[in-house]
Structures are given as C-alpha cells and as structure tokens.
PDB file of all heavy atoms in Angstrom:
ATOM      1  N   ASN A   1      -5.115 -16.192   0.243  1.00  0.00           N
ATOM      2  CA  ASN A   1      -4.051 -17.102  -0.177  1.00  0.00           C
ATOM      3  C   ASN A   1      -4.580 -18.073  -1.234  1.00  0.00           C
ATOM      4  O   ASN A   1      -5.753 -18.014  -1.634  1.00  0.00           O
ATOM      5  CB  ASN A   1      -3.443 -17.838   1.018  1.00  0.00           C
ATOM      6  CG  ASN A   1      -4.429 -18.772   1.711  1.00  0.00           C
ATOM      7  OD1 ASN A   1      -5.484 -19.118   1.156  1.00  0.00           O
ATOM      8  ND2 ASN A   1      -4.090 -19.203   2.914  1.00  0.00           N
ATOM      9  N   ALA A   2      -3.716 -18.987  -1.671  1.00  0.00           N
ATOM     10  CA  ALA A   2      -4.087 -19.908  -2.754  1.00  0.00           C
ATOM     11  C   ALA A   2      -5.274 -20.788  -2.383  1.00  0.00           C
ATOM     12  O   ALA A   2      -6.023 -21.240  -3.256  1.00  0.00           O
ATOM     13  CB  ALA A   2      -2.886 -20.778  -3.126  1.00  0.00           C
ATOM     14  N   GLY A   3      -5.447 -21.024  -1.094  1.00  0.00           N
ATOM     15  CA  GLY A   3      -6.578 -21.851  -0.649  1.00  0.00           C
ATOM     16  C   GLY A   3      -7.843 -21.061  -0.408  1.00  0.00           C
ATOM     17  O   GLY A   3      -8.836 -21.619   0.053  1.00  0.00           O
ATOM     18  N   GLY A   4      -7.806 -19.751  -0.687  1.00  0.00           N
ATOM     19  CA  GLY A   4      -8.983 -18.917  -0.508  1.00  0.00           C
ATOM     20  C   GLY A   4      -9.160 -18.363   0.886  1.00  0.00           C
ATOM     21  O   GLY A   4     -10.178 -17.730   1.181  1.00  0.00           O
ATOM     22  N   LYS A   5      -8.178 -18.584   1.768  1.00  0.00           N
ATOM     23  CA  LYS A   5      -8.276 -18.065   3.130  1.00  0.00           C
ATOM     24  C   LYS A   5      -7.984 -16.571   3.140  1.00  0.00           C
ATOM     25  O   LYS A   5      -7.032 -16.101   2.520  1.00  0.00           O
ATOM     26  CB  LYS A   5      -7.285 -18.791   4.051  1.00  0.00           C
ATOM     27  CG  LYS A   5      -7.338 -18.305   5.492  1.00  0.00           C
ATOM     28  CD  LYS A   5      -6.281 -18.986   6.352  1.00  0.00           C
ATOM     29  CE  LYS A   5      -6.309 -18.445   7.773  1.00  0.00           C
ATOM     30  NZ  LYS A   5      -5.253 -19.042   8.631  1.00  0.00           N
ATOM     31  N   GLN A   6      -8.791 -15.841   3.870  1.00  0.00           N
ATOM     32  CA  GLN A   6      -8.614 -14.392   3.961  1.00  0.00           C
ATOM     33  C   GLN A   6      -7.460 -14.054   4.906  1.00  0.00           C
ATOM     34  O   GLN A   6      -7.334 -14.621   5.991  1.00  0.00           O
ATOM     35  CB  GLN A   6      -9.906 -13.743   4.467  1.00  0.00           C
ATOM     36  CG  GLN A   6      -9.937 -12.229   4.343  1.00  0.00           C
ATOM     37  CD  GLN A   6     -11.238 -11.663   4.879  1.00  0.00           C
ATOM     38  OE1 GLN A   6     -11.673 -12.007   5.977  1.00  0.00           O
ATOM     39  NE2 GLN A   6     -11.884 -10.798   4.108  1.00  0.00           N
ATOM     40  N   LEU A   7      -6.626 -13.127   4.476  1.00  0.00           N
ATOM     41  CA  LEU A   7      -5.463 -12.685   5.245  1.00  0.00           C
ATOM     42  C   LEU A   7      -5.541 -11.184   5.462  1.00  0.00           C
ATOM     43  O   LEU A   7      -6.153 -10.465   4.665  1.00  0.00           O
ATOM     44  CB  LEU A   7      -4.166 -13.030   4.510  1.00  0.00           C
ATOM     45  CG  LEU A   7      -3.981 -14.464   4.034  1.00  0.00           C
ATOM     46  CD1 LEU A   7      -2.738 -14.572   3.168  1.00  0.00           C
ATOM     47  CD2 LEU A   7      -3.886 -15.416   5.231  1.00  0.00           C
ATOM     48  N   GLY A   8      -4.873 -10.701   6.503  1.00  0.00           N
ATOM     49  CA  GLY A   8      -4.776  -9.262   6.741  1.00  0.00           C
ATOM     50  C   GLY A   8      -3.366  -8.803   6.454  1.00  0.00           C
ATOM     51  O   GLY A   8      -2.503  -8.840   7.335  1.00  0.00           O
ATOM     52  N   CYS A   9      -3.113  -8.351   5.235  1.00  0.00           N
ATOM     53  CA  CYS A   9      -1.754  -7.954   4.857  1.00  0.00           C
ATOM     54  C   CYS A   9      -1.807  -7.115   3.585  1.00  0.00           C
ATOM     55  O   CYS A   9      -2.861  -6.965   2.958  1.00  0.00           O
ATOM     56  CB  CYS A   9      -0.863  -9.177   4.648  1.00  0.00           C
ATOM     57  SG  CYS A   9      -1.428 -10.275   3.333  1.00  0.00           S
ATOM     58  N   LEU A  10      -0.654  -6.576   3.216  1.00  0.00           N
ATOM     59  CA  LEU A  10      -0.502  -5.864   1.947  1.00  0.00           C
ATOM     60  C   LEU A  10       0.334  -6.716   1.008  1.00  0.00           C
ATOM     61  O   LEU A  10       1.217  -7.464   1.446  1.00  0.00           O
ATOM     62  CB  LEU A  10       0.180  -4.508   2.173  1.00  0.00           C
ATOM     63  CG  LEU A  10      -0.554  -3.508   3.070  1.00  0.00           C
ATOM     64  CD1 LEU A  10       0.251  -2.221   3.191  1.00  0.00           C
ATOM     65  CD2 LEU A  10      -1.952  -3.217   2.550  1.00  0.00           C
ATOM     66  N   SER A  11       0.068  -6.586  -0.278  1.00  0.00           N
ATOM     67  CA  SER A  11       0.812  -7.346  -1.282  1.00  0.00           C
ATOM     68  C   SER A  11       2.046  -6.569  -1.723  1.00  0.00           C
ATOM     69  O   SER A  11       2.196  -5.374  -1.452  1.00  0.00           O
ATOM     70  CB  SER A  11      -0.075  -7.611  -2.504  1.00  0.00           C
ATOM     71  OG  SER A  11      -0.348  -6.384  -3.178  1.00  0.00           O
ATOM     72  N   GLU A  12       2.920  -7.261  -2.435  1.00  0.00           N
ATOM     73  CA  GLU A  12       4.122  -6.616  -2.971  1.00  0.00           C
ATOM     74  C   GLU A  12       3.756  -5.465  -3.898  1.00  0.00           C
ATOM     75  O   GLU A  12       4.380  -4.399  -3.871  1.00  0.00           O
ATOM     76  CB  GLU A  12       4.975  -7.654  -3.713  1.00  0.00           C
ATOM     77  CG  GLU A  12       6.403  -7.217  -3.943  1.00  0.00           C
ATOM     78  CD  GLU A  12       7.174  -7.032  -2.641  1.00  0.00           C
ATOM     79  OE1 GLU A  12       7.013  -7.844  -1.711  1.00  0.00           O
ATOM     80  OE2 GLU A  12       7.931  -6.035  -2.549  1.00  0.00           O
ATOM     81  N   ASN A  13       2.728  -5.676  -4.714  1.00  0.00           N
ATOM     82  CA  ASN A  13       2.296  -4.608  -5.629  1.00  0.00           C
ATOM     83  C   ASN A  13       1.793  -3.384  -4.870  1.00  0.00           C
ATOM     84  O   ASN A  13       2.000  -2.242  -5.307  1.00  0.00           O
ATOM     85  CB  ASN A  13       1.191  -5.129  -6.556  1.00  0.00           C
ATOM     86  CG  ASN A  13       1.718  -6.079  -7.613  1.00  0.00           C
ATOM     87  OD1 ASN A  13       2.916  -6.090  -7.901  1.00  0.00           O
ATOM     88  ND2 ASN A  13       0.837  -6.879  -8.197  1.00  0.00           N
ATOM     89  N   GLN A  14       1.141  -3.614  -3.751  1.00  0.00           N
ATOM     90  CA  GLN A  14       0.655  -2.481  -2.959  1.00  0.00           C
ATOM     91  C   GLN A  14       1.803  -1.669  -2.368  1.00  0.00           C
ATOM     92  O   GLN A  14       1.753  -0.433  -2.357  1.00  0.00           O
ATOM     93  CB  GLN A  14      -0.259  -2.981  -1.832  1.00  0.00           C
ATOM     94  CG  GLN A  14      -1.625  -3.431  -2.303  1.00  0.00           C
ATOM     95  CD  GLN A  14      -2.472  -3.921  -1.158  1.00  0.00           C
ATOM     96  OE1 GLN A  14      -2.211  -4.988  -0.585  1.00  0.00           O
ATOM     97  NE2 GLN A  14      -3.499  -3.166  -0.786  1.00  0.00           N
ATOM     98  N   PHE A  15       2.840  -2.357  -1.892  1.00  0.00           N
ATOM     99  CA  PHE A  15       3.994  -1.626  -1.359  1.00  0.00           C
ATOM    100  C   PHE A  15       4.659  -0.799  -2.447  1.00  0.00           C
ATOM    101  O   PHE A  15       5.070   0.350  -2.213  1.00  0.00           O
ATOM    102  CB  PHE A  15       4.995  -2.598  -0.730  1.00  0.00           C
ATOM    103  CG  PHE A  15       4.603  -3.089   0.632  1.00  0.00           C
ATOM    104  CD1 PHE A  15       4.371  -4.436   0.869  1.00  0.00           C
ATOM    105  CD2 PHE A  15       4.458  -2.198   1.691  1.00  0.00           C
ATOM    106  CE1 PHE A  15       4.015  -4.886   2.131  1.00  0.00           C
ATOM    107  CE2 PHE A  15       4.088  -2.643   2.957  1.00  0.00           C
ATOM    108  CZ  PHE A  15       3.868  -3.993   3.179  1.00  0.00           C
ATOM    109  N   THR A  16       4.781  -1.363  -3.635  1.00  0.00           N
ATOM    110  CA  THR A  16       5.375  -0.627  -4.758  1.00  0.00           C
ATOM    111  C   THR A  16       4.539   0.607  -5.090  1.00  0.00           C
ATOM    112  O   THR A  16       5.068   1.713  -5.266  1.00  0.00           O
ATOM    113  CB  THR A  16       5.477  -1.537  -5.998  1.00  0.00           C
ATOM    114  OG1 THR A  16       6.290  -2.666  -5.667  1.00  0.00           O
ATOM    115  CG2 THR A  16       6.092  -0.793  -7.175  1.00  0.00           C
ATOM    116  N   TRP A  17       3.211   0.402  -5.172  1.00  0.00           N
ATOM    117  CA  TRP A  17       2.299   1.511  -5.466  1.00  0.00           C
ATOM    118  C   TRP A  17       2.384   2.589  -4.388  1.00  0.00           C
ATOM    119  O   TRP A  17       2.444   3.795  -4.689  1.00  0.00           O
ATOM    120  CB  TRP A  17       0.876   0.959  -5.563  1.00  0.00           C
ATOM    121  CG  TRP A  17      -0.187   2.001  -5.807  1.00  0.00           C
ATOM    122  CD1 TRP A  17      -0.565   2.528  -6.991  1.00  0.00           C
ATOM    123  CD2 TRP A  17      -1.012   2.624  -4.800  1.00  0.00           C
ATOM    124  NE1 TRP A  17      -1.582   3.455  -6.800  1.00  0.00           N
ATOM    125  CE2 TRP A  17      -1.875   3.534  -5.473  1.00  0.00           C
ATOM    126  CE3 TRP A  17      -1.102   2.505  -3.411  1.00  0.00           C
ATOM    127  CZ2 TRP A  17      -2.814   4.316  -4.788  1.00  0.00           C
ATOM    128  CZ3 TRP A  17      -2.034   3.280  -2.737  1.00  0.00           C
ATOM    129  CH2 TRP A  17      -2.873   4.176  -3.424  1.00  0.00           C
ATOM    130  N   LEU A  18       2.411   2.173  -3.122  1.00  0.00           N
ATOM    131  CA  LEU A  18       2.439   3.123  -2.014  1.00  0.00           C
ATOM    132  C   LEU A  18       3.701   3.975  -2.041  1.00  0.00           C
ATOM    133  O   LEU A  18       3.642   5.202  -1.865  1.00  0.00           O
ATOM    134  CB  LEU A  18       2.326   2.373  -0.686  1.00  0.00           C
ATOM    135  CG  LEU A  18       2.331   3.237   0.574  1.00  0.00           C
ATOM    136  CD1 LEU A  18       1.120   4.178   0.597  1.00  0.00           C
ATOM    137  CD2 LEU A  18       2.353   2.356   1.823  1.00  0.00           C
ATOM    138  N   GLU A  19       4.844   3.342  -2.257  1.00  0.00           N
ATOM    139  CA  GLU A  19       6.100   4.102  -2.311  1.00  0.00           C
ATOM    140  C   GLU A  19       6.069   5.123  -3.446  1.00  0.00           C
ATOM    141  O   GLU A  19       6.508   6.263  -3.287  1.00  0.00           O
ATOM    142  CB  GLU A  19       7.286   3.143  -2.486  1.00  0.00           C
ATOM    143  CG  GLU A  19       7.625   2.359  -1.239  1.00  0.00           C
ATOM    144  CD  GLU A  19       9.026   2.664  -0.734  1.00  0.00           C
ATOM    145  OE1 GLU A  19       9.491   3.828  -0.852  1.00  0.00           O
ATOM    146  OE2 GLU A  19       9.651   1.731  -0.223  1.00  0.00           O
ATOM    147  N   GLU A  20       5.535   4.707  -4.575  1.00  0.00           N
ATOM    148  CA  GLU A  20       5.452   5.623  -5.719  1.00  0.00           C
ATOM    149  C   GLU A  20       4.546   6.809  -5.394  1.00  0.00           C
ATOM    150  O   GLU A  20       4.884   7.952  -5.694  1.00  0.00           O
ATOM    151  CB  GLU A  20       4.928   4.870  -6.942  1.00  0.00           C
ATOM    152  CG  GLU A  20       4.851   5.720  -8.199  1.00  0.00           C
ATOM    153  CD  GLU A  20       4.329   4.940  -9.395  1.00  0.00           C
ATOM    154  OE1 GLU A  20       4.396   3.695  -9.388  1.00  0.00           O
ATOM    155  OE2 GLU A  20       3.831   5.596 -10.333  1.00  0.00           O
ATOM    156  N   ILE A  21       3.417   6.533  -4.768  1.00  0.00           N
ATOM    157  CA  ILE A  21       2.479   7.597  -4.410  1.00  0.00           C
ATOM    158  C   ILE A  21       3.101   8.547  -3.393  1.00  0.00           C
ATOM    159  O   ILE A  21       3.085   9.782  -3.560  1.00  0.00           O
ATOM    160  CB  ILE A  21       1.168   6.999  -3.856  1.00  0.00           C
ATOM    161  CG1 ILE A  21       0.382   6.271  -4.951  1.00  0.00           C
ATOM    162  CG2 ILE A  21       0.302   8.077  -3.199  1.00  0.00           C
ATOM    163  CD1 ILE A  21      -0.109   7.162  -6.067  1.00  0.00           C
ATOM    164  N   LEU A  22       3.653   7.996  -2.313  1.00  0.00           N
ATOM    165  CA  LEU A  22       4.177   8.838  -1.235  1.00  0.00           C
ATOM    166  C   LEU A  22       5.372   9.672  -1.676  1.00  0.00           C
ATOM    167  O   LEU A  22       5.567  10.794  -1.195  1.00  0.00           O
ATOM    168  CB  LEU A  22       4.545   7.981  -0.018  1.00  0.00           C
ATOM    169  CG  LEU A  22       3.371   7.305   0.704  1.00  0.00           C
ATOM    170  CD1 LEU A  22       3.873   6.481   1.887  1.00  0.00           C
ATOM    171  CD2 LEU A  22       2.346   8.334   1.177  1.00  0.00           C
ATOM    172  N   SER A  23       6.168   9.147  -2.584  1.00  0.00           N
ATOM    173  CA  SER A  23       7.337   9.904  -3.068  1.00  0.00           C
ATOM    174  C   SER A  23       6.925  11.168  -3.799  1.00  0.00           C
ATOM    175  O   SER A  23       7.720  12.107  -3.931  1.00  0.00           O
ATOM    176  CB  SER A  23       8.201   9.022  -3.969  1.00  0.00           C
ATOM    177  OG  SER A  23       7.507   8.693  -5.162  1.00  0.00           O
ATOM    178  N   ASN A  24       5.666  11.209  -4.268  1.00  0.00           N
ATOM    179  CA  ASN A  24       5.163  12.388  -4.981  1.00  0.00           C
ATOM    180  C   ASN A  24       4.273  13.271  -4.110  1.00  0.00           C
ATOM    181  O   ASN A  24       3.652  14.209  -4.618  1.00  0.00           O
ATOM    182  CB  ASN A  24       4.381  11.949  -6.227  1.00  0.00           C
ATOM    183  CG  ASN A  24       5.269  11.333  -7.286  1.00  0.00           C
ATOM    184  OD1 ASN A  24       6.316  11.882  -7.628  1.00  0.00           O
ATOM    185  ND2 ASN A  24       4.875  10.177  -7.793  1.00  0.00           N
ATOM    186  N   LEU A  25       4.212  12.960  -2.816  1.00  0.00           N
ATOM    187  CA  LEU A  25       3.334  13.722  -1.918  1.00  0.00           C
ATOM    188  C   LEU A  25       4.104  14.397  -0.788  1.00  0.00           C
ATOM    189  O   LEU A  25       3.541  14.699   0.259  1.00  0.00           O
ATOM    190  CB  LEU A  25       2.273  12.791  -1.318  1.00  0.00           C
ATOM    191  CG  LEU A  25       1.243  12.203  -2.270  1.00  0.00           C
ATOM    192  CD1 LEU A  25       0.339  11.216  -1.525  1.00  0.00           C
ATOM    193  CD2 LEU A  25       0.407  13.295  -2.916  1.00  0.00           C
ATOM    194  N   THR A  26       5.374  14.639  -1.006  1.00  0.00           N
ATOM    195  CA  THR A  26       6.209  15.161   0.076  1.00  0.00           C
ATOM    196  C   THR A  26       5.835  16.582   0.490  1.00  0.00           C
ATOM    197  O   THR A  26       6.240  17.042   1.561  1.00  0.00           O
ATOM    198  CB  THR A  26       7.690  15.119  -0.318  1.00  0.00           C
ATOM    199  OG1 THR A  26       7.851  15.801  -1.584  1.00  0.00           O
ATOM    200  CG2 THR A  26       8.177  13.680  -0.460  1.00  0.00           C
ATOM    201  N   ASP A  27       5.065  17.268  -0.334  1.00  0.00           N
ATOM    202  CA  ASP A  27       4.650  18.637   0.001  1.00  0.00           C
ATOM    203  C   ASP A  27       3.253  18.683   0.607  1.00  0.00           C
ATOM    204  O   ASP A  27       2.697  19.768   0.788  1.00  0.00           O
ATOM    205  CB  ASP A  27       4.708  19.531  -1.243  1.00  0.00           C
ATOM    206  CG  ASP A  27       3.787  19.025  -2.361  1.00  0.00           C
ATOM    207  OD1 ASP A  27       3.477  17.816  -2.368  1.00  0.00           O
ATOM    208  OD2 ASP A  27       3.399  19.839  -3.213  1.00  0.00           O
ATOM    209  N   LYS A  28       2.674  17.517   0.922  1.00  0.00           N
ATOM    210  CA  LYS A  28       1.322  17.472   1.463  1.00  0.00           C
ATOM    211  C   LYS A  28       1.284  16.725   2.790  1.00  0.00           C
ATOM    212  O   LYS A  28       2.146  15.896   3.073  1.00  0.00           O
ATOM    213  CB  LYS A  28       0.374  16.785   0.475  1.00  0.00           C
ATOM    214  CG  LYS A  28       0.150  17.573  -0.818  1.00  0.00           C
ATOM    215  CD  LYS A  28      -0.900  16.884  -1.670  1.00  0.00           C
ATOM    216  CE  LYS A  28      -1.166  17.687  -2.941  1.00  0.00           C
ATOM    217  NZ  LYS A  28      -2.224  17.062  -3.772  1.00  0.00           N
ATOM    218  N   LEU A  29       0.244  17.021   3.571  1.00  0.00           N
ATOM    219  CA  LEU A  29      -0.033  16.226   4.758  1.00  0.00           C
ATOM    220  C   LEU A  29      -0.845  15.019   4.310  1.00  0.00           C
ATOM    221  O   LEU A  29      -1.863  15.162   3.628  1.00  0.00           O
ATOM    222  CB  LEU A  29      -0.823  17.047   5.779  1.00  0.00           C
ATOM    223  CG  LEU A  29      -1.178  16.326   7.085  1.00  0.00           C
ATOM    224  CD1 LEU A  29       0.074  15.982   7.882  1.00  0.00           C
ATOM    225  CD2 LEU A  29      -2.125  17.185   7.938  1.00  0.00           C
ATOM    226  N   VAL A  30      -0.385  13.812   4.689  1.00  0.00           N
ATOM    227  CA  VAL A  30      -1.017  12.572   4.239  1.00  0.00           C
ATOM    228  C   VAL A  30      -1.768  11.917   5.392  1.00  0.00           C
ATOM    229  O   VAL A  30      -1.246  11.782   6.502  1.00  0.00           O
ATOM    230  CB  VAL A  30       0.035  11.597   3.667  1.00  0.00           C
ATOM    231  CG1 VAL A  30      -0.593  10.245   3.344  1.00  0.00           C
ATOM    232  CG2 VAL A  30       0.687  12.189   2.421  1.00  0.00           C
ATOM    233  N   LEU A  31      -3.002  11.507   5.116  1.00  0.00           N
ATOM    234  CA  LEU A  31      -3.783  10.690   6.032  1.00  0.00           C
ATOM    235  C   LEU A  31      -3.890   9.301   5.427  1.00  0.00           C
ATOM    236  O   LEU A  31      -4.345   9.155   4.291  1.00  0.00           O
ATOM    237  CB  LEU A  31      -5.191  11.265   6.222  1.00  0.00           C
ATOM    238  CG  LEU A  31      -5.313  12.733   6.629  1.00  0.00           C
ATOM    239  CD1 LEU A  31      -6.781  13.129   6.745  1.00  0.00           C
ATOM    240  CD2 LEU A  31      -4.584  13.007   7.939  1.00  0.00           C
ATOM    241  N   LEU A  32      -3.471   8.281   6.163  1.00  0.00           N
ATOM    242  CA  LEU A  32      -3.561   6.904   5.678  1.00  0.00           C
ATOM    243  C   LEU A  32      -4.747   6.217   6.328  1.00  0.00           C
ATOM    244  O   LEU A  32      -4.887   6.243   7.552  1.00  0.00           O
ATOM    245  CB  LEU A  32      -2.276   6.135   6.003  1.00  0.00           C
ATOM    246  CG  LEU A  32      -2.262   4.696   5.460  1.00  0.00           C
ATOM    247  CD1 LEU A  32      -1.857   4.697   3.993  1.00  0.00           C
ATOM    248  CD2 LEU A  32      -1.332   3.807   6.270  1.00  0.00           C
ATOM    249  N   MET A  33      -5.590   5.587   5.524  1.00  0.00           N
ATOM    250  CA  MET A  33      -6.738   4.833   6.040  1.00  0.00           C
ATOM    251  C   MET A  33      -6.605   3.367   5.635  1.00  0.00           C
ATOM    252  O   MET A  33      -6.396   3.051   4.461  1.00  0.00           O
ATOM    253  CB  MET A  33      -8.049   5.424   5.504  1.00  0.00           C
ATOM    254  CG  MET A  33      -9.294   4.698   6.017  1.00  0.00           C
ATOM    255  SD  MET A  33     -10.864   5.572   5.716  1.00  0.00           S
ATOM    256  CE  MET A  33     -10.938   5.564   3.910  1.00  0.00           C
TER     257      MET A  33
END
C-alpha cells in the first residue's frame, strides 16, 4: 500500500491480465500457482 505495508491481494491490472490470458486458454488444462 501507499505506506509500504505488504498486502496479500491481486491488483486491478492483474485481474485484467488474467482474464485476457484465460480467455485464450479454453482448449488447455490450466494450473494456477
């Protein structure tokens, strides 16, 4: 966060990236780490 505290979460950009990636992987088995 703005104060430098570490958080456990995903950002808005990550959700956008993930949706874009997964929409192109519908013919594959996906493992999420």
